[in-house]
C-alpha cells in the first residue's frame, strides 16, 4: 500500500534585529489550509546551526556575519525540503514551495527483522548478569512490537496515545511515530528530503506498553535457535539499577548511588575535561551530578569548556552561548535521535537529557529530558508523570537468567 501526499508549504520571513543580533523570524504554514506546521526544521546548510518552528509555526533563527554565503534548508516529515541562499531569503522576504508529491511506502515489519546478534551488541554490562541497552528504545524498535500486535486488543492498549494533542502538534507526532523505513544513518533521510524518526526515542506510550515491549522482546529472544545466552529477561530497571548504570562506573562499591566513592582528576587546567597534568582525589558520589565525573571541574557542570551543552536539555534563558559556530544551544529544541551525545564510561548514551527514562515504578522517570533544565537532568533526577508524555521514553535492561 502506498500513500500519496500532496504538500504545499508557505514560509513567510521577516528580517530584523533582536538584542543586536541579525535574525530570520518567520512562520511555517501550509498553503493549502493555512495551518501552522509545528516543529519544522530550519537549518543553515553550511553552519549546521538551526531551530524548529513552535506549535504555532513561528520560529526565529539567529545569524552570524559568516552566514552571508550560507543557505537555509526547511524540512518537515512528508514535505519536500526547501533550500535557498540566505541572501535571497533576506532580499525577497517571503518564500513559497511549489506543489510536490512525496510517495511514502508502507513498511512491512516482522520479528524476522529482529536481529538477535545485533540486538545483543547494543547492550553493555553493568555488573554480574545485568546489562543495559546503550541507548533509549527507538521508534523503529517499538514499531516492530506494535506490528506484531496488530489485529489484537493489545495493539490499541499499547499504541501511541496522542489524545492530549490537537492540530499541528498532533499531526507532527503522527508523523513522528509513523512506520517509516529506517535510514542507513541516524537523522535525516535526504533521499526523500524528509526527516525520518525511526532512530528517535519512542515517546507518548503508557508504562504498561514499555513493560509489554520488554516481555515481547524476552519471548522473541528466548525462542531463537541461535542465541548467546540460554535464557534472559528484558525489563525496566529499578531506580537503584538505573542510577548506577547512568553513573557509568564499573567498579562501584554499592548499589546505593550515594554510598560510593570514586577517583576523579583535578586538572591543573580547569578547562580540561580529560588527560593532562593534575592529581587524583577520592570523592563521594553524593558530589556528582553528571556522568562526566572523571573531570573534577565538570562533575556538576552541564557545559564543557566551550560552553556547549553535553546533553540534550531545556536551554536556560541566560546561558553562556557555545563558542562553536556549528552548535546552537544543545543542538535540539526537542528530542534528538538516540545516541546523540557522548556515552558514559560503560557505553550508555544520553542517560541525562533527551528523554526521561521509565523505571519499574509507574509514574517515575529518571535522568530528565529535553523539556527540563540541566539542573533537573542529573543521574539522580526523578520526575513524575501521570500519563504518556512527549518527554518520557524508556531504556531496556537485560538480566541473564541462564547462561
Protein backbone atom coordinates (compact mmCIF):
# COMPACT_ATOMS: atom_id res chain seq x y z
CA UNK A 1 0.00 0.00 0.00
CA UNK A 2 1.29 3.45 -0.84
CA UNK A 3 0.02 6.77 0.40
CA UNK A 4 0.30 9.81 -1.84
CA UNK A 5 0.56 13.15 -0.11
CA UNK A 6 0.29 16.44 -1.99
CA UNK A 7 2.14 19.02 0.01
CA UNK A 8 2.24 22.76 -0.14
CA UNK A 9 4.38 24.85 2.14
CA UNK A 10 4.38 28.58 2.67
CA UNK A 11 7.12 30.31 4.60
CA UNK A 12 6.96 33.98 5.50
CA UNK A 13 10.22 35.55 6.60
CA UNK A 14 10.91 38.81 8.32
CA UNK A 15 14.40 40.17 8.64
CA UNK A 16 15.20 42.05 11.82
CA UNK A 17 17.48 42.59 14.75
CA UNK A 18 16.99 41.39 18.29
CA UNK A 19 19.41 42.17 21.07
CA UNK A 20 21.83 43.42 18.43
CA UNK A 21 21.85 40.09 16.54
CA UNK A 22 20.79 39.72 12.91
CA UNK A 23 17.97 37.18 12.68
CA UNK A 24 15.43 35.49 10.46
CA UNK A 25 11.99 35.49 12.02
CA UNK A 26 9.19 33.65 10.29
CA UNK A 27 6.21 31.35 10.29
CA UNK A 28 5.84 27.95 8.65
CA UNK A 29 2.35 27.12 7.41
CA UNK A 30 0.51 25.02 4.85
CA UNK A 31 -0.52 27.00 1.74
CA UNK A 32 -3.48 24.70 1.22
CA UNK A 33 -5.24 25.20 4.54
CA UNK A 34 -3.04 27.89 6.15
CA UNK A 35 -2.47 25.68 9.19
CA UNK A 36 0.83 26.16 11.03
CA UNK A 37 3.42 23.39 10.74
CA UNK A 38 4.76 22.72 14.21
CA UNK A 39 8.36 21.57 14.72
CA UNK A 40 9.53 22.08 11.14
CA UNK A 41 13.33 22.05 10.94
CA UNK A 42 15.08 25.24 9.82
CA UNK A 43 18.84 24.73 9.34
CA UNK A 44 21.78 26.65 7.92
CA UNK A 45 23.24 24.12 5.47
CA UNK A 46 26.92 25.03 5.94
CA UNK A 47 26.89 26.22 9.53
CA UNK A 48 24.51 23.42 10.66
CA UNK A 49 23.03 25.63 13.37
CA UNK A 50 19.28 25.84 13.31
CA UNK A 51 15.97 25.87 15.09
CA UNK A 52 12.46 24.47 14.81
CA UNK A 53 9.11 26.15 14.49
CA UNK A 54 6.95 26.22 17.60
CA UNK A 55 3.41 24.90 17.95
CA UNK A 56 2.13 27.96 16.06
CA UNK A 57 4.62 27.51 13.24
CA UNK A 58 6.70 30.52 14.34
CA UNK A 59 10.48 30.47 14.51
CA UNK A 60 13.49 32.72 14.98
CA UNK A 61 16.97 31.85 13.70
CA UNK A 62 19.96 33.93 14.73
CA UNK A 63 22.58 34.75 12.11
CA UNK A 64 26.29 35.50 12.18
CA UNK A 65 28.25 37.57 9.68
CA UNK A 66 29.72 34.32 8.34
CA UNK A 67 26.24 33.15 7.30
CA UNK A 68 26.03 35.63 4.40
CA UNK A 69 27.10 32.93 1.91
CA UNK A 70 25.14 30.14 3.59
CA UNK A 71 21.80 28.60 2.58
CA UNK A 72 18.66 27.79 4.53
CA UNK A 73 17.04 24.34 4.45
CA UNK A 74 13.49 23.80 5.72
CA UNK A 75 12.35 20.22 6.21
CA UNK A 76 9.29 18.55 7.61
CA UNK A 77 8.28 14.92 7.67
CA UNK A 78 6.50 14.15 4.41
CA UNK A 79 7.42 17.52 2.89
CA UNK A 80 9.99 18.26 0.22
CA UNK A 81 12.97 20.10 1.66
CA UNK A 82 13.36 23.71 0.55
CA UNK A 83 16.87 25.15 0.13
CA UNK A 84 17.57 28.78 -0.64
CA UNK A 85 20.57 31.12 -0.19
CA UNK A 86 20.31 33.30 2.90
CA UNK A 87 20.81 36.39 0.73
CA UNK A 88 17.74 35.59 -1.41
CA UNK A 89 15.58 34.97 1.62
CA UNK A 90 16.66 38.27 3.14
CA UNK A 91 16.03 40.12 -0.13
CA UNK A 92 12.66 38.63 -1.08
CA UNK A 93 11.17 38.42 2.39
CA UNK A 94 8.75 35.56 1.59
CA UNK A 95 9.06 32.10 0.08
CA UNK A 96 6.52 29.54 -1.10
CA UNK A 97 7.24 25.98 -2.15
CA UNK A 98 5.92 24.57 -5.39
CA UNK A 99 3.37 21.78 -5.22
CA UNK A 100 5.14 18.49 -4.58
CA UNK A 101 4.11 14.88 -4.29
CA UNK A 102 6.00 12.54 -2.00
CA UNK A 103 5.37 8.82 -2.07
CA UNK A 104 5.80 7.09 1.26
CA UNK A 105 5.87 3.30 1.09
CA UNK A 106 4.23 1.37 3.88
CA UNK A 107 6.86 -0.68 5.64
CA UNK A 108 6.12 -4.29 6.46
CA UNK A 109 7.99 -5.25 9.59
CA UNK A 110 8.09 -8.54 11.44
CA UNK A 111 10.12 -10.35 14.06
CA UNK A 112 12.32 -11.66 11.25
CA UNK A 113 13.87 -8.19 11.27
CA UNK A 114 14.76 -8.55 14.93
CA UNK A 115 18.42 -9.49 14.54
CA UNK A 116 19.37 -11.06 17.88
CA UNK A 117 23.11 -10.73 17.27
CA UNK A 118 22.86 -7.03 16.59
CA UNK A 119 20.41 -6.68 19.47
CA UNK A 120 22.88 -8.06 21.98
CA UNK A 121 25.66 -5.87 20.60
CA UNK A 122 23.67 -2.87 21.82
CA UNK A 123 23.82 -3.98 25.47
CA UNK A 124 26.53 -3.01 27.94
CA UNK A 125 27.47 -4.90 31.09
CA UNK A 126 26.71 -3.19 34.38
CA UNK A 127 27.74 -6.00 36.70
CA UNK A 128 27.28 -9.74 37.01
CA UNK A 129 24.32 -10.79 34.88
CA UNK A 130 22.78 -7.33 34.42
CA UNK A 131 23.11 -5.38 31.18
CA UNK A 132 21.59 -2.14 29.85
CA UNK A 133 20.86 -1.11 26.27
CA UNK A 134 23.28 1.56 25.07
CA UNK A 135 20.51 3.98 24.13
CA UNK A 136 16.82 4.62 24.65
CA UNK A 137 14.39 2.37 22.80
CA UNK A 138 13.75 3.89 19.38
CA UNK A 139 10.56 4.44 17.43
CA UNK A 140 11.71 1.89 14.85
CA UNK A 141 12.32 -0.77 17.51
CA UNK A 142 8.99 -0.19 19.22
CA UNK A 143 7.14 -0.26 15.89
CA UNK A 144 8.35 -3.83 15.34
CA UNK A 145 6.48 -4.74 18.52
CA UNK A 146 3.35 -2.82 17.50
CA UNK A 147 3.33 -4.52 14.11
CA UNK A 148 3.20 -7.89 15.84
CA UNK A 149 0.26 -6.70 17.96
CA UNK A 150 -1.86 -5.51 15.02
CA UNK A 151 -5.32 -7.06 14.94
CA UNK A 152 -5.32 -7.84 18.67
CA UNK A 153 -6.71 -5.90 21.67
CA UNK A 154 -3.11 -5.34 22.75
CA UNK A 155 -2.49 -3.05 19.78
CA UNK A 156 -4.95 -0.42 20.97
CA UNK A 157 -3.84 -0.84 24.57
CA UNK A 158 -0.15 -0.31 23.86
CA UNK A 159 -0.34 2.02 20.84
CA UNK A 160 0.78 5.65 20.96
CA UNK A 161 -1.53 7.88 22.96
CA UNK A 162 -1.98 11.20 21.15
CA UNK A 163 -5.30 12.05 22.81
CA UNK A 164 -3.77 15.04 24.56
CA UNK A 165 -2.73 16.73 21.29
CA UNK A 166 -4.60 18.51 18.53
CA UNK A 167 -3.98 20.44 15.34
CA UNK A 168 -0.43 20.85 14.09
CA UNK A 169 1.13 19.25 17.17
CA UNK A 170 -0.90 16.08 16.74
CA UNK A 171 -0.01 15.95 13.05
CA UNK A 172 3.66 16.21 13.95
CA UNK A 173 3.51 13.30 16.41
CA UNK A 174 1.56 11.20 13.92
CA UNK A 175 4.49 11.60 11.53
CA UNK A 176 7.00 11.09 14.33
CA UNK A 177 5.57 7.68 15.22
CA UNK A 178 4.82 6.54 11.67
CA UNK A 179 6.11 3.19 10.36
CA UNK A 180 8.74 4.70 8.07
CA UNK A 181 11.86 2.94 6.79
CA UNK A 182 14.92 3.20 8.97
CA UNK A 183 17.61 5.26 7.19
CA UNK A 184 21.14 3.95 6.83
CA UNK A 185 22.32 6.74 9.10
CA UNK A 186 20.64 8.29 12.10
CA UNK A 187 18.83 11.53 11.47
CA UNK A 188 17.78 12.75 8.06
CA UNK A 189 16.68 10.67 5.10
CA UNK A 190 17.95 13.08 2.45
CA UNK A 191 16.91 10.86 -0.44
CA UNK A 192 13.25 11.76 0.09
CA UNK A 193 14.06 15.15 1.56
CA UNK A 194 12.31 14.26 4.80
CA UNK A 195 13.09 13.74 8.44
CA UNK A 196 12.91 10.09 9.46
CA UNK A 197 12.21 9.49 13.12
CA UNK A 198 12.83 5.74 13.25
CA UNK A 199 16.08 6.37 15.16
CA UNK A 200 14.49 8.81 17.60
CA UNK A 201 13.37 7.73 21.10
CA UNK A 202 9.90 6.26 21.45
CA UNK A 203 7.58 8.52 23.48
CA UNK A 204 3.86 9.02 24.11
CA UNK A 205 3.29 5.48 25.38
CA UNK A 206 1.93 4.22 28.72
CA UNK A 207 4.12 2.46 31.28
CA UNK A 208 2.30 -0.80 30.53
CA UNK A 209 3.38 -0.59 26.88
CA UNK A 210 7.06 -0.41 27.85
CA UNK A 211 6.64 -3.49 30.07
CA UNK A 212 4.79 -5.31 27.27
CA UNK A 213 7.60 -4.46 24.84
CA UNK A 214 10.15 -5.93 27.26
CA UNK A 215 8.06 -9.10 27.67
CA UNK A 216 7.71 -9.44 23.89
CA UNK A 217 11.44 -8.96 23.44
CA UNK A 218 12.10 -11.61 26.09
CA UNK A 219 9.90 -14.16 24.35
CA UNK A 220 11.39 -13.40 20.95
CA UNK A 221 14.95 -13.77 22.21
CA UNK A 222 14.40 -16.96 24.21
CA UNK A 223 12.68 -18.62 21.23
CA UNK A 224 15.62 -18.05 18.90
CA UNK A 225 17.60 -21.18 17.99
CA UNK A 226 20.90 -19.33 17.93
CA UNK A 227 21.45 -17.02 20.87
CA UNK A 228 24.29 -16.03 23.17
CA UNK A 229 22.51 -16.95 26.42
CA UNK A 230 20.10 -19.79 27.12
CA UNK A 231 17.54 -17.63 28.90
CA UNK A 232 17.29 -13.91 29.52
CA UNK A 233 14.72 -11.44 30.77
CA UNK A 234 14.33 -7.95 29.32
CA UNK A 235 12.77 -5.50 31.73
CA UNK A 236 12.65 -1.97 33.10
CA UNK A 237 15.25 -1.23 35.78
CA UNK A 238 14.80 -0.40 39.43
CA UNK A 239 15.74 3.12 40.42
CA UNK A 240 18.98 1.88 42.03
CA UNK A 241 19.95 -0.07 38.90
CA UNK A 242 19.18 2.89 36.66
CA UNK A 243 21.23 5.35 38.73
CA UNK A 244 24.27 3.06 38.90
CA UNK A 245 24.06 2.44 35.14
CA UNK A 246 23.71 6.18 34.47
CA UNK A 247 26.73 6.94 36.62
CA UNK A 248 28.70 4.52 34.43
CA UNK A 249 31.44 3.43 36.84
CA UNK A 250 32.09 -0.32 36.58
CA UNK A 251 33.94 -0.54 39.92
CA UNK A 252 31.08 0.74 42.09
CA UNK A 253 31.01 -0.50 45.67
CA UNK A 254 27.27 -0.30 46.45
CA UNK A 255 24.00 -0.38 44.53
CA UNK A 256 23.00 2.71 46.52
CA UNK A 257 24.46 5.52 44.42
CA UNK A 258 25.41 7.84 47.27
CA UNK A 259 27.19 5.11 49.23
CA UNK A 260 30.04 5.01 46.70
CA UNK A 261 33.33 6.81 46.24
CA UNK A 262 35.28 7.43 43.05
CA UNK A 263 38.62 8.85 41.98
CA UNK A 264 38.49 11.99 39.83
CA UNK A 265 41.12 14.11 38.13
CA UNK A 266 41.71 17.62 39.45
CA UNK A 267 43.46 19.09 36.42
CA UNK A 268 45.86 21.99 36.61
CA UNK A 269 43.81 23.41 33.72
CA UNK A 270 40.26 23.95 34.96
CA UNK A 271 39.01 23.92 31.34
CA UNK A 272 40.40 20.46 30.59
CA UNK A 273 37.99 17.55 30.81
CA UNK A 274 40.29 14.59 30.25
CA UNK A 275 44.02 13.96 30.36
CA UNK A 276 46.77 16.44 31.08
CA UNK A 277 48.65 17.12 34.33
CA UNK A 278 46.79 17.08 37.61
CA UNK A 279 46.17 14.97 40.68
CA UNK A 280 43.72 12.24 41.56
CA UNK A 281 41.49 12.61 44.59
CA UNK A 282 38.73 10.41 46.01
CA UNK A 283 35.30 11.96 46.44
CA UNK A 284 31.83 10.74 47.35
CA UNK A 285 29.31 10.13 44.59
CA UNK A 286 26.96 12.43 46.51
CA UNK A 287 29.11 15.20 44.99
CA UNK A 288 28.34 14.12 41.40
CA UNK A 289 25.52 15.27 39.14
CA UNK A 290 26.53 14.12 35.65
CA UNK A 291 28.19 11.04 34.10
CA UNK A 292 31.28 13.00 33.01
CA UNK A 293 32.54 12.74 36.58
CA UNK A 294 36.18 11.90 35.69
CA UNK A 295 36.98 15.59 35.39
CA UNK A 296 36.53 17.18 38.81
CA UNK A 297 35.52 20.60 37.49
CA UNK A 298 32.77 19.08 35.33
CA UNK A 299 31.18 16.73 37.84
CA UNK A 300 28.35 19.27 38.28
CA UNK A 301 28.67 21.24 35.06
CA UNK A 302 26.31 20.60 32.09
CA UNK A 303 28.53 22.58 29.67
CA UNK A 304 32.09 21.93 28.53
CA UNK A 305 34.92 24.45 28.27
CA UNK A 306 33.42 25.78 25.01
CA UNK A 307 30.10 26.35 26.83
CA UNK A 308 28.45 23.66 24.68
CA UNK A 309 25.89 21.51 26.48
CA UNK A 310 26.91 17.89 26.91
CA UNK A 311 23.34 16.64 26.91
CA UNK A 312 20.00 17.46 25.29
CA UNK A 313 18.40 19.75 27.88
CA UNK A 314 15.99 22.65 28.00
CA UNK A 315 18.41 25.51 27.45
CA UNK A 316 18.29 28.16 30.22
CA UNK A 317 17.37 31.66 29.07
CA UNK A 318 20.57 33.26 30.38
CA UNK A 319 23.06 30.58 29.36
CA UNK A 320 26.54 31.34 28.01
CA UNK A 321 26.41 30.62 24.25
CA UNK A 322 28.55 27.84 22.82
CA UNK A 323 31.81 29.05 21.28
CA UNK A 324 31.48 26.66 18.35
CA UNK A 325 29.52 28.24 15.46
CA UNK A 326 28.09 24.88 14.33
CA UNK A 327 26.26 24.31 17.60
CA UNK A 328 23.10 26.21 18.55
CA UNK A 329 22.27 25.75 22.23
CA UNK A 330 22.41 22.00 22.81
CA UNK A 331 21.63 21.20 19.18
CA UNK A 332 17.94 20.30 19.65
CA UNK A 333 14.80 22.14 20.65
CA UNK A 334 13.07 18.83 21.37
CA UNK A 335 14.20 15.19 21.48
CA UNK A 336 17.17 14.23 19.36
CA UNK A 337 17.95 10.86 17.78
CA UNK A 338 19.20 8.14 20.12
CA UNK A 339 22.94 8.13 20.90
CA UNK A 340 23.20 11.85 20.12
CA UNK A 341 25.86 12.63 22.71
CA UNK A 342 28.97 11.03 24.17
CA UNK A 343 28.48 7.78 26.14
CA UNK A 344 29.37 7.35 29.80
CA UNK A 345 32.27 5.12 30.86
CA UNK A 346 30.35 1.85 30.33
CA UNK A 347 28.98 2.92 26.93
CA UNK A 348 25.47 4.22 27.68
CA UNK A 349 24.32 7.26 25.70
CA UNK A 350 22.00 10.08 26.79
CA UNK A 351 21.44 8.90 30.34
CA UNK A 352 20.76 12.53 31.21
CA UNK A 353 18.61 14.69 28.96
CA UNK A 354 16.93 13.81 25.65
CA UNK A 355 14.03 11.81 27.15
CA UNK A 356 13.46 10.86 30.77
CA UNK A 357 13.53 7.08 31.20
CA UNK A 358 10.87 4.93 32.81
CA UNK A 359 11.78 2.59 35.65
CA UNK A 360 9.82 -0.30 37.16
CA UNK A 361 7.74 2.15 39.20
CA UNK A 362 4.84 3.50 37.16
CA UNK A 363 4.79 7.30 37.03
CA UNK A 364 8.50 7.83 37.66
CA UNK A 365 11.17 8.59 35.06
CA UNK A 366 14.89 9.22 35.57
CA UNK A 367 17.54 11.48 34.09
CA UNK A 368 15.48 14.44 32.91
CA UNK A 369 14.71 15.35 29.32
CA UNK A 370 14.75 17.96 26.57
CA UNK A 371 11.87 19.64 28.44
CA UNK A 372 13.76 20.04 31.73
CA UNK A 373 16.57 22.40 32.67
CA UNK A 374 20.05 20.89 33.20
CA UNK A 375 19.68 21.15 36.97
CA UNK A 376 16.77 18.68 36.71
CA UNK A 377 18.65 16.32 34.36
CA UNK A 378 21.17 14.63 36.64
CA UNK A 379 21.97 10.99 37.33
CA UNK A 380 19.74 11.14 40.43
CA UNK A 381 16.88 13.21 38.98
CA UNK A 382 13.47 11.53 39.17
CA UNK A 383 10.47 13.19 37.52
CA UNK A 384 6.83 12.18 37.95
CA UNK A 385 4.22 11.79 35.23
CA UNK A 386 0.64 10.50 35.23
CA UNK A 387 0.03 9.87 31.51
CA UNK A 388 2.01 9.25 28.31
CA UNK A 389 4.26 12.23 27.66
CA UNK A 390 6.39 13.56 24.82
CA UNK A 391 9.39 13.80 27.17
CA UNK A 392 9.23 10.26 28.63
CA UNK A 393 10.71 7.16 26.99
CA UNK A 394 12.50 4.07 28.26
CA UNK A 395 15.71 2.07 28.08
CA UNK A 396 15.66 -1.74 28.20
CA UNK A 397 17.74 -3.63 30.76
CA UNK A 398 18.62 -7.31 30.29
CA UNK A 399 19.05 -9.87 33.06
CA UNK A 400 20.74 -13.17 32.18
CA UNK A 401 18.83 -15.96 33.93
CA UNK A 402 20.63 -18.97 32.40
CA UNK A 403 23.95 -18.96 30.60
